Amino acid sequence: MNLDRVPLSARPFVARLAEFPPVEQIVLFGSRAVGDNDSRADIDLAVSAPSLDRWQFARLRVQAFEARTLHWISLVHLEETPGPLRERIYRQGKVLYERKATAR
């Protein structure tokens, strides 16, 4: 997991998010991903979790809101994200975490 662009105070939340079994990928996007952020910029995270329903994702958003960080964490569910934004996330985003496929 590469958390270089994630502020120290938010790294524990990202690590916990990666441990949640339905999460397959976490992508940092927005100003922090492209490197034109200031020190107060929020943290935009896109989460790929195809098996997660809307209620489960809503709980993740609450956890992001309640996370004890110095920066606001904005969470989007990639599977529910409109096409143009999803394309921009994949084009400009930085993959922080990707679950490795297990052999069967």
C-alpha atoms as a PDB file:
ATOM      1  CA  MET A   1       0.000   0.000   0.000  1.00  0.00           C
ATOM      2  CA  ASN A   2       1.432   3.359  -1.046  1.00  0.00           C
ATOM      3  CA  LEU A   3       0.215   6.161   1.232  1.00  0.00           C
ATOM      4  CA  ASP A   4       2.827   8.821   0.396  1.00  0.00           C
ATOM      5  CA  ARG A   5       0.212  11.344  -0.768  1.00  0.00           C
ATOM      6  CA  VAL A   6      -2.147  10.683   2.153  1.00  0.00           C
ATOM      7  CA  PRO A   7      -1.687  12.886   5.247  1.00  0.00           C
ATOM      8  CA  LEU A   8      -0.396  11.030   8.313  1.00  0.00           C
ATOM      9  CA  SER A   9      -3.600  11.630  10.271  1.00  0.00           C
ATOM     10  CA  ALA A  10      -5.706   9.853   7.605  1.00  0.00           C
ATOM     11  CA  ARG A  11      -3.484   6.817   7.035  1.00  0.00           C
ATOM     12  CA  PRO A  12      -5.047   4.677   9.795  1.00  0.00           C
ATOM     13  CA  PHE A  13      -8.498   5.136   8.222  1.00  0.00           C
ATOM     14  CA  VAL A  14      -7.210   4.144   4.768  1.00  0.00           C
ATOM     15  CA  ALA A  15      -5.493   1.078   6.252  1.00  0.00           C
ATOM     16  CA  ARG A  16      -8.728   0.013   8.011  1.00  0.00           C
ATOM     17  CA  LEU A  17     -10.673   0.550   4.798  1.00  0.00           C
ATOM     18  CA  ALA A  18      -8.260  -1.748   2.929  1.00  0.00           C
ATOM     19  CA  GLU A  19      -8.868  -4.488   5.507  1.00  0.00           C
ATOM     20  CA  PHE A  20     -12.634  -4.484   4.857  1.00  0.00           C
ATOM     21  CA  PRO A  21     -13.203  -7.688   2.800  1.00  0.00           C
ATOM     22  CA  PRO A  22     -15.504  -6.249   0.081  1.00  0.00           C
ATOM     23  CA  VAL A  23     -12.981  -3.500  -0.797  1.00  0.00           C
ATOM     24  CA  GLU A  24     -11.009  -4.482  -3.897  1.00  0.00           C
ATOM     25  CA  GLN A  25      -9.330  -1.178  -4.704  1.00  0.00           C
ATOM     26  CA  ILE A  26      -8.784   2.285  -3.192  1.00  0.00           C
ATOM     27  CA  VAL A  27      -7.834   5.156  -5.505  1.00  0.00           C
ATOM     28  CA  LEU A  28      -6.742   8.628  -4.419  1.00  0.00           C
ATOM     29  CA  PHE A  29      -8.054  11.268  -6.818  1.00  0.00           C
ATOM     30  CA  GLY A  30      -8.478  15.020  -6.985  1.00  0.00           C
ATOM     31  CA  SER A  31      -5.879  17.621  -6.067  1.00  0.00           C
ATOM     32  CA  ARG A  32      -3.833  15.307  -3.835  1.00  0.00           C
ATOM     33  CA  ALA A  33      -3.475  12.761  -6.646  1.00  0.00           C
ATOM     34  CA  VAL A  34      -2.281  15.300  -9.203  1.00  0.00           C
ATOM     35  CA  GLY A  35      -0.112  17.150  -6.704  1.00  0.00           C
ATOM     36  CA  ASP A  36      -1.672  20.621  -6.834  1.00  0.00           C
ATOM     37  CA  ASN A  37      -3.175  20.557  -3.347  1.00  0.00           C
ATOM     38  CA  ASP A  38      -2.501  22.860  -0.450  1.00  0.00           C
ATOM     39  CA  SER A  39      -2.006  21.618   3.104  1.00  0.00           C
ATOM     40  CA  ARG A  40      -5.734  21.966   3.908  1.00  0.00           C
ATOM     41  CA  ALA A  41      -7.037  20.049   0.876  1.00  0.00           C
ATOM     42  CA  ASP A  42      -9.540  17.279   1.448  1.00  0.00           C
ATOM     43  CA  ILE A  43      -8.747  13.636   0.706  1.00  0.00           C
ATOM     44  CA  ASP A  44     -10.746  12.235  -2.220  1.00  0.00           C
ATOM     45  CA  LEU A  45     -10.928   8.438  -2.196  1.00  0.00           C
ATOM     46  CA  ALA A  46     -12.670   6.183  -4.699  1.00  0.00           C
ATOM     47  CA  VAL A  47     -13.473   2.697  -3.444  1.00  0.00           C
ATOM     48  CA  SER A  48     -14.127  -0.267  -5.712  1.00  0.00           C
ATOM     49  CA  ALA A  49     -16.287  -2.791  -3.881  1.00  0.00           C
ATOM     50  CA  PRO A  50     -18.719  -4.438  -6.323  1.00  0.00           C
ATOM     51  CA  SER A  51     -20.438  -6.558  -3.676  1.00  0.00           C
ATOM     52  CA  LEU A  52     -21.151  -3.594  -1.386  1.00  0.00           C
ATOM     53  CA  ASP A  53     -24.742  -2.372  -1.354  1.00  0.00           C
ATOM     54  CA  ARG A  54     -25.707   1.274  -0.854  1.00  0.00           C
ATOM     55  CA  TRP A  55     -26.416   0.872   2.863  1.00  0.00           C
ATOM     56  CA  GLN A  56     -23.036  -0.722   3.530  1.00  0.00           C
ATOM     57  CA  PHE A  57     -21.310   2.031   1.572  1.00  0.00           C
ATOM     58  CA  ALA A  58     -23.269   4.651   3.507  1.00  0.00           C
ATOM     59  CA  ARG A  59     -21.813   3.180   6.705  1.00  0.00           C
ATOM     60  CA  LEU A  60     -18.308   3.536   5.248  1.00  0.00           C
ATOM     61  CA  ARG A  61     -19.057   7.198   4.519  1.00  0.00           C
ATOM     62  CA  VAL A  62     -20.142   7.700   8.121  1.00  0.00           C
ATOM     63  CA  GLN A  63     -16.871   6.128   9.274  1.00  0.00           C
ATOM     64  CA  ALA A  64     -14.961   8.487   6.960  1.00  0.00           C
ATOM     65  CA  PHE A  65     -16.884  11.429   8.412  1.00  0.00           C
ATOM     66  CA  GLU A  66     -16.164  10.294  11.965  1.00  0.00           C
ATOM     67  CA  ALA A  67     -12.491   9.484  11.328  1.00  0.00           C
ATOM     68  CA  ARG A  68     -10.210  11.500  13.567  1.00  0.00           C
ATOM     69  CA  THR A  69      -8.178  13.247  10.919  1.00  0.00           C
ATOM     70  CA  LEU A  70      -7.126  16.809  10.278  1.00  0.00           C
ATOM     71  CA  HIS A  71      -8.586  16.634   6.758  1.00  0.00           C
ATOM     72  CA  TRP A  72     -12.052  15.972   5.378  1.00  0.00           C
ATOM     73  CA  ILE A  73     -12.286  12.550   3.674  1.00  0.00           C
ATOM     74  CA  SER A  74     -14.572  12.362   0.659  1.00  0.00           C
ATOM     75  CA  LEU A  75     -15.509   8.802  -0.308  1.00  0.00           C
ATOM     76  CA  VAL A  76     -17.104   7.682  -3.594  1.00  0.00           C
ATOM     77  CA  HIS A  77     -18.214   4.182  -4.587  1.00  0.00           C
ATOM     78  CA  LEU A  78     -16.655   3.519  -8.009  1.00  0.00           C
ATOM     79  CA  GLU A  79     -19.445   1.180  -9.048  1.00  0.00           C
ATOM     80  CA  GLU A  80     -21.997   3.966  -8.447  1.00  0.00           C
ATOM     81  CA  THR A  81     -19.909   6.843  -9.854  1.00  0.00           C
ATOM     82  CA  PRO A  82     -21.072   8.517 -13.102  1.00  0.00           C
ATOM     83  CA  GLY A  83     -18.983   7.674 -16.183  1.00  0.00           C
ATOM     84  CA  PRO A  84     -17.140  10.997 -16.700  1.00  0.00           C
ATOM     85  CA  LEU A  85     -15.985  11.183 -13.071  1.00  0.00           C
ATOM     86  CA  ARG A  86     -15.046   7.485 -13.045  1.00  0.00           C
ATOM     87  CA  GLU A  87     -12.957   8.007 -16.203  1.00  0.00           C
ATOM     88  CA  ARG A  88     -11.165  10.975 -14.608  1.00  0.00           C
ATOM     89  CA  ILE A  89     -10.500   8.938 -11.446  1.00  0.00           C
ATOM     90  CA  TYR A  90      -8.899   6.144 -13.484  1.00  0.00           C
ATOM     91  CA  ARG A  91      -6.958   8.605 -15.668  1.00  0.00           C
ATOM     92  CA  GLN A  92      -5.585  10.907 -12.930  1.00  0.00           C
ATOM     93  CA  GLY A  93      -5.941   8.851  -9.769  1.00  0.00           C
ATOM     94  CA  LYS A  94      -3.240   7.029  -7.843  1.00  0.00           C
ATOM     95  CA  VAL A  95      -3.995   3.483  -6.712  1.00  0.00           C
ATOM     96  CA  LEU A  96      -3.336   3.254  -2.979  1.00  0.00           C
ATOM     97  CA  TYR A  97      -4.483  -0.321  -2.516  1.00  0.00           C
ATOM     98  CA  GLU A  98      -5.497  -3.230  -4.714  1.00  0.00           C
ATOM     99  CA  ARG A  99      -6.560  -6.627  -3.418  1.00  0.00           C
ATOM    100  CA  LYS A 100      -4.540  -9.371  -5.006  1.00  0.00           C
ATOM    101  CA  ALA A 101      -6.514 -12.171  -6.600  1.00  0.00           C
ATOM    102  CA  THR A 102      -6.242 -15.453  -4.729  1.00  0.00           C
ATOM    103  CA  ALA A 103      -5.507 -18.702  -6.539  1.00  0.00           C
ATOM    104  CA  ARG A 104      -8.346 -21.201  -6.603  1.00  0.00           C
END
